[in-house]
């Protein structure tokens, strides 16, 4: 499958102390979590920026899985993402 812009919802938009805006999104997909969190899934035309977070609920073949990804950059027309982990890396 592919990214579906209609399944992306802005949850929060928070100004930071450095006058930048941090955004949190929610996304639902029939794709597997490994696909959604992989390279080349989110096009750079989506309303995201580096350090924004996307909380994804993936229900693939009837099995639900949740993954949170952080936008880390953009390359070749797509955002690059990394699975978001807490401050201690677990």
PDB file of N, CA and C in Angstrom:
ATOM      1  N   UNK A   1       0.844  -1.172   0.000  1.00  0.00           N
ATOM      2  CA  UNK A   1       0.000   0.000   0.000  1.00  0.00           C
ATOM      3  C   UNK A   1       0.895   1.242   0.000  1.00  0.00           C
ATOM      4  N   UNK A   2       0.283   2.355   0.241  1.00  0.00           N
ATOM      5  CA  UNK A   2       1.032   3.609   0.201  1.00  0.00           C
ATOM      6  C   UNK A   2       0.446   4.601   1.202  1.00  0.00           C
ATOM      7  N   UNK A   3       1.185   5.665   1.429  1.00  0.00           N
ATOM      8  CA  UNK A   3       0.747   6.729   2.316  1.00  0.00           C
ATOM      9  C   UNK A   3      -0.604   7.271   1.864  1.00  0.00           C
ATOM     10  N   UNK A   4      -1.501   7.496   2.819  1.00  0.00           N
ATOM     11  CA  UNK A   4      -2.824   8.059   2.546  1.00  0.00           C
ATOM     12  C   UNK A   4      -2.955   9.339   3.374  1.00  0.00           C
ATOM     13  N   UNK A   5      -2.902  10.485   2.711  1.00  0.00           N
ATOM     14  CA  UNK A   5      -2.944  11.780   3.411  1.00  0.00           C
ATOM     15  C   UNK A   5      -4.208  11.932   4.253  1.00  0.00           C
ATOM     16  N   UNK A   6      -5.321  11.311   3.834  1.00  0.00           N
ATOM     17  CA  UNK A   6      -6.574  11.422   4.585  1.00  0.00           C
ATOM     18  C   UNK A   6      -6.499  10.729   5.940  1.00  0.00           C
ATOM     19  N   UNK A   7      -5.528   9.841   6.120  1.00  0.00           N
ATOM     20  CA  UNK A   7      -5.379   9.123   7.386  1.00  0.00           C
ATOM     21  C   UNK A   7      -4.409   9.793   8.344  1.00  0.00           C
ATOM     22  N   UNK A   8      -3.898  10.968   7.976  1.00  0.00           N
ATOM     23  CA  UNK A   8      -2.960  11.709   8.808  1.00  0.00           C
ATOM     24  C   UNK A   8      -3.691  12.867   9.478  1.00  0.00           C
ATOM     25  N   UNK A   9      -3.612  12.939  10.811  1.00  0.00           N
ATOM     26  CA  UNK A   9      -4.295  14.002  11.544  1.00  0.00           C
ATOM     27  C   UNK A   9      -3.306  14.709  12.473  1.00  0.00           C
ATOM     28  N   UNK A  10      -3.331  16.030  12.453  1.00  0.00           N
ATOM     29  CA  UNK A  10      -2.520  16.812  13.371  1.00  0.00           C
ATOM     30  C   UNK A  10      -3.154  16.737  14.753  1.00  0.00           C
ATOM     31  N   UNK A  11      -2.366  16.318  15.738  1.00  0.00           N
ATOM     32  CA  UNK A  11      -2.857  16.189  17.112  1.00  0.00           C
ATOM     33  C   UNK A  11      -2.472  17.409  17.942  1.00  0.00           C
ATOM     34  N   UNK A  12      -1.241  17.884  17.750  1.00  0.00           N
ATOM     35  CA  UNK A  12      -0.764  19.028  18.533  1.00  0.00           C
ATOM     36  C   UNK A  12       0.244  19.818  17.715  1.00  0.00           C
ATOM     37  N   UNK A  13       0.244  21.125  17.934  1.00  0.00           N
ATOM     38  CA  UNK A  13       1.213  22.026  17.329  1.00  0.00           C
ATOM     39  C   UNK A  13       1.701  22.934  18.449  1.00  0.00           C
ATOM     40  N   UNK A  14       2.951  22.762  18.842  1.00  0.00           N
ATOM     41  CA  UNK A  14       3.455  23.413  20.046  1.00  0.00           C
ATOM     42  C   UNK A  14       4.663  24.290  19.713  1.00  0.00           C
ATOM     43  N   UNK A  15       4.604  25.586  20.037  1.00  0.00           N
ATOM     44  CA  UNK A  15       5.782  26.428  19.816  1.00  0.00           C
ATOM     45  C   UNK A  15       6.863  26.090  20.840  1.00  0.00           C
ATOM     46  N   UNK A  16       8.104  26.090  20.382  1.00  0.00           N
ATOM     47  CA  UNK A  16       9.217  25.807  21.282  1.00  0.00           C
ATOM     48  C   UNK A  16       9.861  27.109  21.728  1.00  0.00           C
ATOM     49  N   UNK A  17      10.766  27.018  22.646  1.00  0.00           N
ATOM     50  CA  UNK A  17      11.442  28.201  23.164  1.00  0.00           C
ATOM     51  C   UNK A  17      12.281  28.881  22.081  1.00  0.00           C
ATOM     52  N   UNK A  18      12.678  28.113  21.057  1.00  0.00           N
ATOM     53  CA  UNK A  18      13.478  28.688  19.966  1.00  0.00           C
ATOM     54  C   UNK A  18      12.611  29.179  18.809  1.00  0.00           C
ATOM     55  N   UNK A  19      11.313  29.391  19.071  1.00  0.00           N
ATOM     56  CA  UNK A  19      10.353  29.911  18.096  1.00  0.00           C
ATOM     57  C   UNK A  19      10.118  28.986  16.901  1.00  0.00           C
ATOM     58  N   UNK A  20      10.360  27.713  17.084  1.00  0.00           N
ATOM     59  CA  UNK A  20      10.023  26.735  16.056  1.00  0.00           C
ATOM     60  C   UNK A  20       8.732  26.052  16.491  1.00  0.00           C
ATOM     61  N   UNK A  21       8.074  25.412  15.565  1.00  0.00           N
ATOM     62  CA  UNK A  21       6.835  24.708  15.876  1.00  0.00           C
ATOM     63  C   UNK A  21       7.092  23.210  15.805  1.00  0.00           C
ATOM     64  N   UNK A  22       6.781  22.521  16.862  1.00  0.00           N
ATOM     65  CA  UNK A  22       6.876  21.064  16.906  1.00  0.00           C
ATOM     66  C   UNK A  22       5.468  20.518  16.735  1.00  0.00           C
ATOM     67  N   UNK A  23       5.299  19.522  15.855  1.00  0.00           N
ATOM     68  CA  UNK A  23       3.977  18.962  15.595  1.00  0.00           C
ATOM     69  C   UNK A  23       3.955  17.471  15.901  1.00  0.00           C
ATOM     70  N   UNK A  24       2.801  17.049  16.380  1.00  0.00           N
ATOM     71  CA  UNK A  24       2.545  15.638  16.652  1.00  0.00           C
ATOM     72  C   UNK A  24       1.356  15.204  15.801  1.00  0.00           C
ATOM     73  N   UNK A  25       1.525  14.092  15.106  1.00  0.00           N
ATOM     74  CA  UNK A  25       0.481  13.581  14.222  1.00  0.00           C
ATOM     75  C   UNK A  25       0.032  12.199  14.656  1.00  0.00           C
ATOM     76  N   UNK A  26      -1.174  11.848  14.249  1.00  0.00           N
ATOM     77  CA  UNK A  26      -1.697  10.498  14.391  1.00  0.00           C
ATOM     78  C   UNK A  26      -1.949   9.985  12.977  1.00  0.00           C
ATOM     79  N   UNK A  27      -1.630   8.715  12.742  1.00  0.00           N
ATOM     80  CA  UNK A  27      -1.780   8.145  11.403  1.00  0.00           C
ATOM     81  C   UNK A  27      -2.299   6.724  11.520  1.00  0.00           C
ATOM     82  N   UNK A  28      -3.278   6.386  10.694  1.00  0.00           N
ATOM     83  CA  UNK A  28      -3.832   5.027  10.664  1.00  0.00           C
ATOM     84  C   UNK A  28      -3.555   4.423   9.297  1.00  0.00           C
ATOM     85  N   UNK A  29      -3.168   3.150   9.273  1.00  0.00           N
ATOM     86  CA  UNK A  29      -2.803   2.529   8.005  1.00  0.00           C
ATOM     87  C   UNK A  29      -3.102   1.034   8.005  1.00  0.00           C
ATOM     88  N   UNK A  30      -3.477   0.491   6.832  1.00  0.00           N
ATOM     89  CA  UNK A  30      -3.591  -0.962   6.705  1.00  0.00           C
ATOM     90  C   UNK A  30      -2.229  -1.608   6.429  1.00  0.00           C
ATOM     91  N   UNK A  31      -1.181  -0.791   6.305  1.00  0.00           N
ATOM     92  CA  UNK A  31       0.165  -1.315   6.062  1.00  0.00           C
ATOM     93  C   UNK A  31       0.779  -1.825   7.361  1.00  0.00           C
ATOM     94  N   UNK A  32       1.710  -2.751   7.239  1.00  0.00           N
ATOM     95  CA  UNK A  32       2.425  -3.270   8.403  1.00  0.00           C
ATOM     96  C   UNK A  32       3.291  -2.174   9.015  1.00  0.00           C
ATOM     97  N   UNK A  33       3.511  -2.248  10.324  1.00  0.00           N
ATOM     98  CA  UNK A  33       4.325  -1.251  11.027  1.00  0.00           C
ATOM     99  C   UNK A  33       5.724  -1.152  10.426  1.00  0.00           C
ATOM    100  N   UNK A  34       6.283  -2.267   9.987  1.00  0.00           N
ATOM    101  CA  UNK A  34       7.619  -2.252   9.393  1.00  0.00           C
ATOM    102  C   UNK A  34       7.641  -1.450   8.090  1.00  0.00           C
ATOM    103  N   UNK A  35       6.542  -1.441   7.362  1.00  0.00           N
ATOM    104  CA  UNK A  35       6.457  -0.668   6.117  1.00  0.00           C
ATOM    105  C   UNK A  35       6.327   0.824   6.431  1.00  0.00           C
ATOM    106  N   UNK A  36       5.416   1.145   7.350  1.00  0.00           N
ATOM    107  CA  UNK A  36       5.166   2.548   7.707  1.00  0.00           C
ATOM    108  C   UNK A  36       6.403   3.199   8.314  1.00  0.00           C
ATOM    109  N   UNK A  37       7.154   2.460   9.097  1.00  0.00           N
ATOM    110  CA  UNK A  37       8.330   3.037   9.757  1.00  0.00           C
ATOM    111  C   UNK A  37       9.583   2.964   8.889  1.00  0.00           C
ATOM    112  N   UNK A  38       9.472   2.403   7.705  1.00  0.00           N
ATOM    113  CA  UNK A  38      10.628   2.274   6.819  1.00  0.00           C
ATOM    114  C   UNK A  38      10.869   3.505   5.967  1.00  0.00           C
ATOM    115  N   UNK A  39      11.985   3.496   5.296  1.00  0.00           N
ATOM    116  CA  UNK A  39      12.364   4.615   4.430  1.00  0.00           C
ATOM    117  C   UNK A  39      11.416   4.728   3.239  1.00  0.00           C
ATOM    118  N   UNK A  40      11.130   5.944   2.844  1.00  0.00           N
ATOM    119  CA  UNK A  40      10.357   6.177   1.638  1.00  0.00           C
ATOM    120  C   UNK A  40       8.860   6.022   1.771  1.00  0.00           C
ATOM    121  N   UNK A  41       8.323   6.069   2.978  1.00  0.00           N
ATOM    122  CA  UNK A  41       6.878   5.909   3.142  1.00  0.00           C
ATOM    123  C   UNK A  41       6.145   7.252   3.126  1.00  0.00           C
ATOM    124  N   UNK A  42       6.631   8.212   3.888  1.00  0.00           N
ATOM    125  CA  UNK A  42       5.962   9.517   3.995  1.00  0.00           C
ATOM    126  C   UNK A  42       6.551  10.494   2.978  1.00  0.00           C
ATOM    127  N   UNK A  43       5.734  10.961   2.004  1.00  0.00           N
ATOM    128  CA  UNK A  43       6.264  11.896   1.004  1.00  0.00           C
ATOM    129  C   UNK A  43       6.559  13.257   1.626  1.00  0.00           C
ATOM    130  N   UNK A  44       7.544  13.942   1.061  1.00  0.00           N
ATOM    131  CA  UNK A  44       7.906  15.241   1.636  1.00  0.00           C
ATOM    132  C   UNK A  44       6.885  16.331   1.318  1.00  0.00           C
ATOM    133  N   UNK A  45       5.796  15.979   0.654  1.00  0.00           N
ATOM    134  CA  UNK A  45       4.692  16.913   0.452  1.00  0.00           C
ATOM    135  C   UNK A  45       3.722  16.897   1.636  1.00  0.00           C
ATOM    136  N   UNK A  46       3.875  15.941   2.545  1.00  0.00           N
ATOM    137  CA  UNK A  46       3.049  15.889   3.757  1.00  0.00           C
ATOM    138  C   UNK A  46       3.436  17.070   4.649  1.00  0.00           C
ATOM    139  N   UNK A  47       2.505  17.528   5.517  1.00  0.00           N
ATOM    140  CA  UNK A  47       2.751  18.752   6.306  1.00  0.00           C
ATOM    141  C   UNK A  47       3.630  18.532   7.529  1.00  0.00           C
ATOM    142  N   UNK A  48       4.780  17.909   7.335  1.00  0.00           N
ATOM    143  CA  UNK A  48       5.664  17.589   8.449  1.00  0.00           C
ATOM    144  C   UNK A  48       7.001  18.286   8.299  1.00  0.00           C
ATOM    145  N   UNK A  49       7.767  18.268   9.380  1.00  0.00           N
ATOM    146  CA  UNK A  49       9.108  18.846   9.378  1.00  0.00           C
ATOM    147  C   UNK A  49      10.008  17.993  10.266  1.00  0.00           C
ATOM    148  N   UNK A  50      11.293  18.240  10.185  1.00  0.00           N
ATOM    149  CA  UNK A  50      12.249  17.499  11.010  1.00  0.00           C
ATOM    150  C   UNK A  50      11.895  17.661  12.484  1.00  0.00           C
ATOM    151  N   UNK A  51      11.956  16.566  13.218  1.00  0.00           N
ATOM    152  CA  UNK A  51      11.663  16.422  14.648  1.00  0.00           C
ATOM    153  C   UNK A  51      10.182  16.290  14.958  1.00  0.00           C
ATOM    154  N   UNK A  52       9.316  16.359  13.973  1.00  0.00           N
ATOM    155  CA  UNK A  52       7.903  16.067  14.223  1.00  0.00           C
ATOM    156  C   UNK A  52       7.756  14.575  14.496  1.00  0.00           C
ATOM    157  N   UNK A  53       6.708  14.219  15.236  1.00  0.00           N
ATOM    158  CA  UNK A  53       6.473  12.833  15.621  1.00  0.00           C
ATOM    159  C   UNK A  53       5.147  12.357  15.032  1.00  0.00           C
ATOM    160  N   UNK A  54       5.146  11.113  14.543  1.00  0.00           N
ATOM    161  CA  UNK A  54       3.941  10.509  13.975  1.00  0.00           C
ATOM    162  C   UNK A  54       3.650   9.225  14.746  1.00  0.00           C
ATOM    163  N   UNK A  55       2.510   9.204  15.411  1.00  0.00           N
ATOM    164  CA  UNK A  55       2.063   8.012  16.134  1.00  0.00           C
ATOM    165  C   UNK A  55       1.197   7.210  15.168  1.00  0.00           C
ATOM    166  N   UNK A  56       1.663   6.038  14.773  1.00  0.00           N
ATOM    167  CA  UNK A  56       0.997   5.250  13.734  1.00  0.00           C
ATOM    168  C   UNK A  56       0.306   4.021  14.320  1.00  0.00           C
ATOM    169  N   UNK A  57      -0.963   3.836  13.951  1.00  0.00           N
ATOM    170  CA  UNK A  57      -1.682   2.601  14.275  1.00  0.00           C
ATOM    171  C   UNK A  57      -1.817   1.840  12.977  1.00  0.00           C
ATOM    172  N   UNK A  58      -1.181   0.691  12.926  1.00  0.00           N
ATOM    173  CA  UNK A  58      -1.149  -0.123  11.711  1.00  0.00           C
ATOM    174  C   UNK A  58      -1.947  -1.400  11.952  1.00  0.00           C
ATOM    175  N   UNK A  59      -2.946  -1.628  11.130  1.00  0.00           N
ATOM    176  CA  UNK A  59      -3.734  -2.861  11.238  1.00  0.00           C
ATOM    177  C   UNK A  59      -3.573  -3.596   9.911  1.00  0.00           C
ATOM    178  N   UNK A  60      -2.651  -4.554   9.896  1.00  0.00           N
ATOM    179  CA  UNK A  60      -2.320  -5.307   8.692  1.00  0.00           C
ATOM    180  C   UNK A  60      -2.773  -6.754   8.856  1.00  0.00           C
ATOM    181  N   UNK A  61      -3.576  -7.220   7.922  1.00  0.00           N
ATOM    182  CA  UNK A  61      -4.123  -8.583   7.977  1.00  0.00           C
ATOM    183  C   UNK A  61      -4.829  -8.865   9.306  1.00  0.00           C
ATOM    184  N   UNK A  62      -5.525  -7.852   9.831  1.00  0.00           N
ATOM    185  CA  UNK A  62      -6.298  -8.018  11.056  1.00  0.00           C
ATOM    186  C   UNK A  62      -5.497  -7.919  12.341  1.00  0.00           C
ATOM    187  N   UNK A  63      -4.200  -7.699  12.241  1.00  0.00           N
ATOM    188  CA  UNK A  63      -3.343  -7.623  13.427  1.00  0.00           C
ATOM    189  C   UNK A  63      -2.899  -6.175  13.617  1.00  0.00           C
ATOM    190  N   UNK A  64      -3.249  -5.598  14.769  1.00  0.00           N
ATOM    191  CA  UNK A  64      -2.896  -4.217  15.063  1.00  0.00           C
ATOM    192  C   UNK A  64      -1.505  -4.086  15.662  1.00  0.00           C
ATOM    193  N   UNK A  65      -0.820  -3.050  15.280  1.00  0.00           N
ATOM    194  CA  UNK A  65       0.504  -2.755  15.830  1.00  0.00           C
ATOM    195  C   UNK A  65       0.654  -1.239  15.854  1.00  0.00           C
ATOM    196  N   UNK A  66       1.310  -0.731  16.866  1.00  0.00           N
ATOM    197  CA  UNK A  66       1.504   0.705  17.008  1.00  0.00           C
ATOM    198  C   UNK A  66       2.991   1.011  16.974  1.00  0.00           C
ATOM    199  N   UNK A  67       3.354   2.038  16.229  1.00  0.00           N
ATOM    200  CA  UNK A  67       4.744   2.464  16.165  1.00  0.00           C
ATOM    201  C   UNK A  67       4.773   3.988  16.124  1.00  0.00           C
ATOM    202  N   UNK A  68       5.734   4.557  16.792  1.00  0.00           N
ATOM    203  CA  UNK A  68       5.915   5.997  16.786  1.00  0.00           C
ATOM    204  C   UNK A  68       7.212   6.294  16.044  1.00  0.00           C
ATOM    205  N   UNK A  69       7.116   7.183  15.038  1.00  0.00           N
ATOM    206  CA  UNK A  69       8.313   7.539  14.279  1.00  0.00           C
ATOM    207  C   UNK A  69       8.561   9.038  14.364  1.00  0.00           C
ATOM    208  N   UNK A  70       9.833   9.401  14.266  1.00  0.00           N
ATOM    209  CA  UNK A  70      10.246  10.802  14.298  1.00  0.00           C
ATOM    210  C   UNK A  70      10.821  11.149  12.930  1.00  0.00           C
ATOM    211  N   UNK A  71      10.437  12.299  12.390  1.00  0.00           N
ATOM    212  CA  UNK A  71      10.975  12.755  11.112  1.00  0.00           C
ATOM    213  C   UNK A  71      12.418  13.210  11.342  1.00  0.00           C
ATOM    214  N   UNK A  72      13.341  12.627  10.578  1.00  0.00           N
ATOM    215  CA  UNK A  72      14.765  12.938  10.770  1.00  0.00           C
ATOM    216  C   UNK A  72      15.380  13.713   9.615  1.00  0.00           C
ATOM    217  N   UNK A  73      14.687  13.795   8.484  1.00  0.00           N
ATOM    218  CA  UNK A  73      15.234  14.507   7.336  1.00  0.00           C
ATOM    219  C   UNK A  73      14.353  14.291   6.118  1.00  0.00           C
ATOM    220  N   UNK A  74      14.857  14.673   4.960  1.00  0.00           N
ATOM    221  CA  UNK A  74      14.145  14.468   3.704  1.00  0.00           C
ATOM    222  C   UNK A  74      15.162  14.114   2.633  1.00  0.00           C
ATOM    223  N   UNK A  75      14.782  13.171   1.762  1.00  0.00           N
ATOM    224  CA  UNK A  75      15.681  12.744   0.706  1.00  0.00           C
ATOM    225  C   UNK A  75      14.884  12.111  -0.423  1.00  0.00           C
ATOM    226  N   UNK A  76      15.144  12.498  -1.635  1.00  0.00           N
ATOM    227  CA  UNK A  76      14.526  11.878  -2.789  1.00  0.00           C
ATOM    228  C   UNK A  76      13.012  11.980  -2.847  1.00  0.00           C
ATOM    229  N   UNK A  77      12.455  13.068  -2.321  1.00  0.00           N
ATOM    230  CA  UNK A  77      11.010  13.257  -2.370  1.00  0.00           C
ATOM    231  C   UNK A  77      10.256  12.641  -1.203  1.00  0.00           C
ATOM    232  N   UNK A  78      10.979  12.067  -0.235  1.00  0.00           N
ATOM    233  CA  UNK A  78      10.342  11.453   0.928  1.00  0.00           C
ATOM    234  C   UNK A  78      11.028  11.918   2.206  1.00  0.00           C
ATOM    235  N   UNK A  79      10.258  11.919   3.302  1.00  0.00           N
ATOM    236  CA  UNK A  79      10.858  12.158   4.610  1.00  0.00           C
ATOM    237  C   UNK A  79      11.584  10.903   5.050  1.00  0.00           C
ATOM    238  N   UNK A  80      12.687  11.088   5.743  1.00  0.00           N
ATOM    239  CA  UNK A  80      13.331   9.963   6.400  1.00  0.00           C
ATOM    240  C   UNK A  80      12.837   9.954   7.839  1.00  0.00           C
ATOM    241  N   UNK A  81      12.641   8.782   8.374  1.00  0.00           N
ATOM    242  CA  UNK A  81      12.112   8.654   9.734  1.00  0.00           C
ATOM    243  C   UNK A  81      12.949   7.646  10.518  1.00  0.00           C
ATOM    244  N   UNK A  82      12.817   7.726  11.811  1.00  0.00           N
ATOM    245  CA  UNK A  82      13.449   6.753  12.711  1.00  0.00           C
ATOM    246  C   UNK A  82      12.420   6.362  13.739  1.00  0.00           C
ATOM    247  N   UNK A  83      12.429   5.100  14.130  1.00  0.00           N
ATOM    248  CA  UNK A  83      11.515   4.676  15.184  1.00  0.00           C
ATOM    249  C   UNK A  83      11.875   5.463  16.420  1.00  0.00           C
ATOM    250  N   UNK A  84      10.876   6.115  17.019  1.00  0.00           N
ATOM    251  CA  UNK A  84      11.097   6.986  18.159  1.00  0.00           C
ATOM    252  C   UNK A  84      11.227   6.149  19.424  1.00  0.00           C
ATOM    253  N   UNK A  85      12.302   6.360  20.147  1.00  0.00           N
ATOM    254  CA  UNK A  85      12.528   5.674  21.421  1.00  0.00           C
ATOM    255  C   UNK A  85      12.684   6.718  22.504  1.00  0.00           C
ATOM    256  N   UNK A  86      12.593   6.295  23.750  1.00  0.00           N
ATOM    257  CA  UNK A  86      12.710   7.276  24.829  1.00  0.00           C
ATOM    258  C   UNK A  86      14.165   7.738  24.989  1.00  0.00           C
ATOM    259  N   UNK A  87      14.389   8.625  25.923  1.00  0.00           N
ATOM    260  CA  UNK A  87      15.701   9.279  26.092  1.00  0.00           C
ATOM    261  C   UNK A  87      16.831   8.297  26.404  1.00  0.00           C
ATOM    262  N   UNK A  88      16.526   7.129  26.963  1.00  0.00           N
ATOM    263  CA  UNK A  88      17.588   6.183  27.282  1.00  0.00           C
ATOM    264  C   UNK A  88      17.791   5.170  26.168  1.00  0.00           C
ATOM    265  N   UNK A  89      17.051   5.309  25.064  1.00  0.00           N
ATOM    266  CA  UNK A  89      17.298   4.463  23.907  1.00  0.00           C
ATOM    267  C   UNK A  89      16.663   3.091  23.961  1.00  0.00           C
ATOM    268  N   UNK A  90      15.633   2.930  24.780  1.00  0.00           N
ATOM    269  CA  UNK A  90      14.988   1.610  24.835  1.00  0.00           C
ATOM    270  C   UNK A  90      13.580   1.695  24.289  1.00  0.00           C
TER     271      UNK A  90
END
